[in-house]
Amino acid sequence: VQLQASGGGLVQPGGSLRLSCAASGRLAGIKTMGWYRQAPEKQRELVANIIVISGGDTYYADSVKGRFSVSRDKAKNTVYLQMNSLKPQDTAVYYCKSRRWAANYWGQGTQVTVSS
């Protein structure tokens, strides 16, 4: 599985960004896709996750609930992270990850900077 993330950038507090993660390769068997982030000198943390094998159930970290929304376009094999009401503490490198069978696959990171 190859994952290509895009959509990061510089945004002012209160602004919005939408990240995209396009999957290619052997996609059969993918169970979940999600977004993680890592801020400087902090551990990587799960931001949002979507179950792609059934129903599309989602999970959000408490820090982003009500502000971020994860969704997928099955036809495009793409998962999105819509980020609204961004805060400076959302600044981090964002990574998409997929879980296929028992293996995890990571995309390259995309920088999100929230600053005035």
C-alpha atoms as a PDB file:
ATOM      1  CA  VAL A   1       0.000   0.000   0.000  1.00  0.00           C
ATOM      2  CA  GLN A   2       1.286   3.432  -0.900  1.00  0.00           C
ATOM      3  CA  LEU A   3      -0.161   6.499   0.748  1.00  0.00           C
ATOM      4  CA  GLN A   4       0.208  10.014  -0.614  1.00  0.00           C
ATOM      5  CA  ALA A   5      -0.744  12.781   1.789  1.00  0.00           C
ATOM      6  CA  SER A   6      -1.320  16.378   0.783  1.00  0.00           C
ATOM      7  CA  GLY A   7      -3.058  19.559   1.823  1.00  0.00           C
ATOM      8  CA  GLY A   8      -0.949  20.918   4.631  1.00  0.00           C
ATOM      9  CA  GLY A   9       0.079  24.524   4.904  1.00  0.00           C
ATOM     10  CA  LEU A  10       0.091  27.680   6.968  1.00  0.00           C
ATOM     11  CA  VAL A  11      -3.223  28.919   8.303  1.00  0.00           C
ATOM     12  CA  GLN A  12      -4.303  31.497  10.838  1.00  0.00           C
ATOM     13  CA  PRO A  13      -5.989  30.483  14.085  1.00  0.00           C
ATOM     14  CA  GLY A  14      -9.649  29.812  13.442  1.00  0.00           C
ATOM     15  CA  GLY A  15      -8.994  28.846   9.866  1.00  0.00           C
ATOM     16  CA  SER A  16      -9.553  25.584   8.023  1.00  0.00           C
ATOM     17  CA  LEU A  17      -7.557  23.077   6.014  1.00  0.00           C
ATOM     18  CA  ARG A  18      -8.416  19.804   4.340  1.00  0.00           C
ATOM     19  CA  LEU A  19      -5.849  17.037   4.186  1.00  0.00           C
ATOM     20  CA  SER A  20      -6.076  14.246   1.630  1.00  0.00           C
ATOM     21  CA  CYS A  21      -4.555  10.786   1.693  1.00  0.00           C
ATOM     22  CA  ALA A  22      -4.690   8.840  -1.558  1.00  0.00           C
ATOM     23  CA  ALA A  23      -4.083   5.102  -1.336  1.00  0.00           C
ATOM     24  CA  SER A  24      -2.726   2.951  -4.139  1.00  0.00           C
ATOM     25  CA  GLY A  25      -1.337  -0.510  -4.591  1.00  0.00           C
ATOM     26  CA  ARG A  26      -2.826  -3.587  -2.938  1.00  0.00           C
ATOM     27  CA  LEU A  27      -5.884  -2.148  -1.260  1.00  0.00           C
ATOM     28  CA  ALA A  28      -7.913  -5.273  -0.610  1.00  0.00           C
ATOM     29  CA  GLY A  29      -7.874  -6.062   3.067  1.00  0.00           C
ATOM     30  CA  ILE A  30      -7.486  -2.536   4.343  1.00  0.00           C
ATOM     31  CA  LYS A  31      -9.398  -2.305   7.607  1.00  0.00           C
ATOM     32  CA  THR A  32      -8.834   1.232   8.809  1.00  0.00           C
ATOM     33  CA  MET A  33      -7.327   4.479   7.660  1.00  0.00           C
ATOM     34  CA  GLY A  34      -6.423   7.280   9.950  1.00  0.00           C
ATOM     35  CA  TRP A  35      -4.558  10.449  10.626  1.00  0.00           C
ATOM     36  CA  TYR A  36      -1.829  10.910  13.200  1.00  0.00           C
ATOM     37  CA  ARG A  37       0.176  13.974  14.065  1.00  0.00           C
ATOM     38  CA  GLN A  38       3.494  14.689  15.683  1.00  0.00           C
ATOM     39  CA  ALA A  39       4.452  18.044  17.102  1.00  0.00           C
ATOM     40  CA  PRO A  40       8.073  18.938  17.879  1.00  0.00           C
ATOM     41  CA  GLU A  41       9.401  17.018  20.882  1.00  0.00           C
ATOM     42  CA  LYS A  42       6.106  15.174  21.319  1.00  0.00           C
ATOM     43  CA  GLN A  43       5.022  11.653  20.590  1.00  0.00           C
ATOM     44  CA  ARG A  44       2.991  10.830  17.532  1.00  0.00           C
ATOM     45  CA  GLU A  45      -0.706  10.723  18.424  1.00  0.00           C
ATOM     46  CA  LEU A  46      -3.853   9.456  16.774  1.00  0.00           C
ATOM     47  CA  VAL A  47      -6.087  12.273  15.577  1.00  0.00           C
ATOM     48  CA  ALA A  48      -8.892  10.518  13.726  1.00  0.00           C
ATOM     49  CA  ASN A  49      -9.634   7.100  12.326  1.00  0.00           C
ATOM     50  CA  ILE A  50     -12.206   5.601   9.988  1.00  0.00           C
ATOM     51  CA  ILE A  51     -13.135   1.956   9.606  1.00  0.00           C
ATOM     52  CA  VAL A  52     -13.269   1.268   5.895  1.00  0.00           C
ATOM     53  CA  ILE A  53     -14.358  -2.368   5.892  1.00  0.00           C
ATOM     54  CA  SER A  54     -17.789  -1.642   7.287  1.00  0.00           C
ATOM     55  CA  GLY A  55     -20.048   1.235   8.026  1.00  0.00           C
ATOM     56  CA  GLY A  56     -17.410   3.906   8.083  1.00  0.00           C
ATOM     57  CA  ASP A  57     -17.372   4.255  11.866  1.00  0.00           C
ATOM     58  CA  THR A  58     -15.085   7.025  12.996  1.00  0.00           C
ATOM     59  CA  TYR A  59     -12.980   7.851  16.021  1.00  0.00           C
ATOM     60  CA  TYR A  60     -11.619  11.213  17.131  1.00  0.00           C
ATOM     61  CA  ALA A  61      -9.157  12.286  19.750  1.00  0.00           C
ATOM     62  CA  ASP A  62     -10.801  14.427  22.416  1.00  0.00           C
ATOM     63  CA  SER A  63      -8.681  17.404  21.439  1.00  0.00           C
ATOM     64  CA  VAL A  64     -10.212  17.565  17.943  1.00  0.00           C
ATOM     65  CA  LYS A  65     -13.785  16.424  18.511  1.00  0.00           C
ATOM     66  CA  GLY A  66     -16.263  18.879  17.051  1.00  0.00           C
ATOM     67  CA  ARG A  67     -13.575  20.563  14.937  1.00  0.00           C
ATOM     68  CA  PHE A  68     -12.145  17.825  12.718  1.00  0.00           C
ATOM     69  CA  SER A  69     -13.994  15.425  10.468  1.00  0.00           C
ATOM     70  CA  VAL A  70     -12.628  12.326   8.738  1.00  0.00           C
ATOM     71  CA  SER A  71     -14.285  10.951   5.625  1.00  0.00           C
ATOM     72  CA  ARG A  72     -13.499   8.794   2.636  1.00  0.00           C
ATOM     73  CA  ASP A  73     -14.217   8.671  -1.064  1.00  0.00           C
ATOM     74  CA  LYS A  74     -14.307   4.977  -1.859  1.00  0.00           C
ATOM     75  CA  ALA A  75     -14.189   5.534  -5.615  1.00  0.00           C
ATOM     76  CA  LYS A  76     -11.007   7.591  -5.298  1.00  0.00           C
ATOM     77  CA  ASN A  77      -9.423   5.441  -2.570  1.00  0.00           C
ATOM     78  CA  THR A  78      -8.907   8.667  -0.671  1.00  0.00           C
ATOM     79  CA  VAL A  79      -9.428   9.649   2.937  1.00  0.00           C
ATOM     80  CA  TYR A  80      -9.839  13.254   3.969  1.00  0.00           C
ATOM     81  CA  LEU A  81      -9.355  15.154   7.196  1.00  0.00           C
ATOM     82  CA  GLN A  82     -11.342  18.361   7.314  1.00  0.00           C
ATOM     83  CA  MET A  83      -9.898  20.590  10.008  1.00  0.00           C
ATOM     84  CA  ASN A  84     -11.902  23.589  11.165  1.00  0.00           C
ATOM     85  CA  SER A  85     -11.400  26.114  13.941  1.00  0.00           C
ATOM     86  CA  LEU A  86      -7.699  25.399  13.919  1.00  0.00           C
ATOM     87  CA  LYS A  87      -5.645  26.296  16.945  1.00  0.00           C
ATOM     88  CA  PRO A  88      -1.908  26.910  17.342  1.00  0.00           C
ATOM     89  CA  GLN A  89      -1.681  23.640  19.285  1.00  0.00           C
ATOM     90  CA  ASP A  90      -2.807  21.798  16.152  1.00  0.00           C
ATOM     91  CA  THR A  91       0.550  22.645  14.593  1.00  0.00           C
ATOM     92  CA  ALA A  92       2.286  19.398  13.728  1.00  0.00           C
ATOM     93  CA  VAL A  93       3.321  17.092  10.936  1.00  0.00           C
ATOM     94  CA  TYR A  94       0.268  15.064   9.971  1.00  0.00           C
ATOM     95  CA  TYR A  95       0.622  11.493   8.750  1.00  0.00           C
ATOM     96  CA  CYS A  96      -1.931   9.166   7.266  1.00  0.00           C
ATOM     97  CA  LYS A  97      -1.833   5.494   8.107  1.00  0.00           C
ATOM     98  CA  SER A  98      -3.644   2.446   6.859  1.00  0.00           C
ATOM     99  CA  ARG A  99      -3.921  -0.948   8.432  1.00  0.00           C
ATOM    100  CA  ARG A 100      -4.083  -3.841   5.997  1.00  0.00           C
ATOM    101  CA  TRP A 101      -4.441  -7.222   7.606  1.00  0.00           C
ATOM    102  CA  ALA A 102      -1.820  -7.087  10.377  1.00  0.00           C
ATOM    103  CA  ALA A 103       0.466  -4.514   8.777  1.00  0.00           C
ATOM    104  CA  ASN A 104       0.559  -0.754   9.122  1.00  0.00           C
ATOM    105  CA  TYR A 105       1.446   1.516   6.230  1.00  0.00           C
ATOM    106  CA  TRP A 106       2.399   5.163   6.605  1.00  0.00           C
ATOM    107  CA  GLY A 107       2.351   8.018   4.187  1.00  0.00           C
ATOM    108  CA  GLN A 108       4.841  10.841   4.190  1.00  0.00           C
ATOM    109  CA  GLY A 109       3.965  13.662   6.535  1.00  0.00           C
ATOM    110  CA  THR A 110       2.416  16.960   5.618  1.00  0.00           C
ATOM    111  CA  GLN A 111       3.142  20.026   7.726  1.00  0.00           C
ATOM    112  CA  VAL A 112       0.280  21.974   9.250  1.00  0.00           C
ATOM    113  CA  THR A 113       1.204  25.263  10.885  1.00  0.00           C
ATOM    114  CA  VAL A 114      -1.382  27.363  12.682  1.00  0.00           C
ATOM    115  CA  SER A 115      -0.040  30.808  13.383  1.00  0.00           C
ATOM    116  CA  SER A 116      -0.949  34.448  13.082  1.00  0.00           C
END
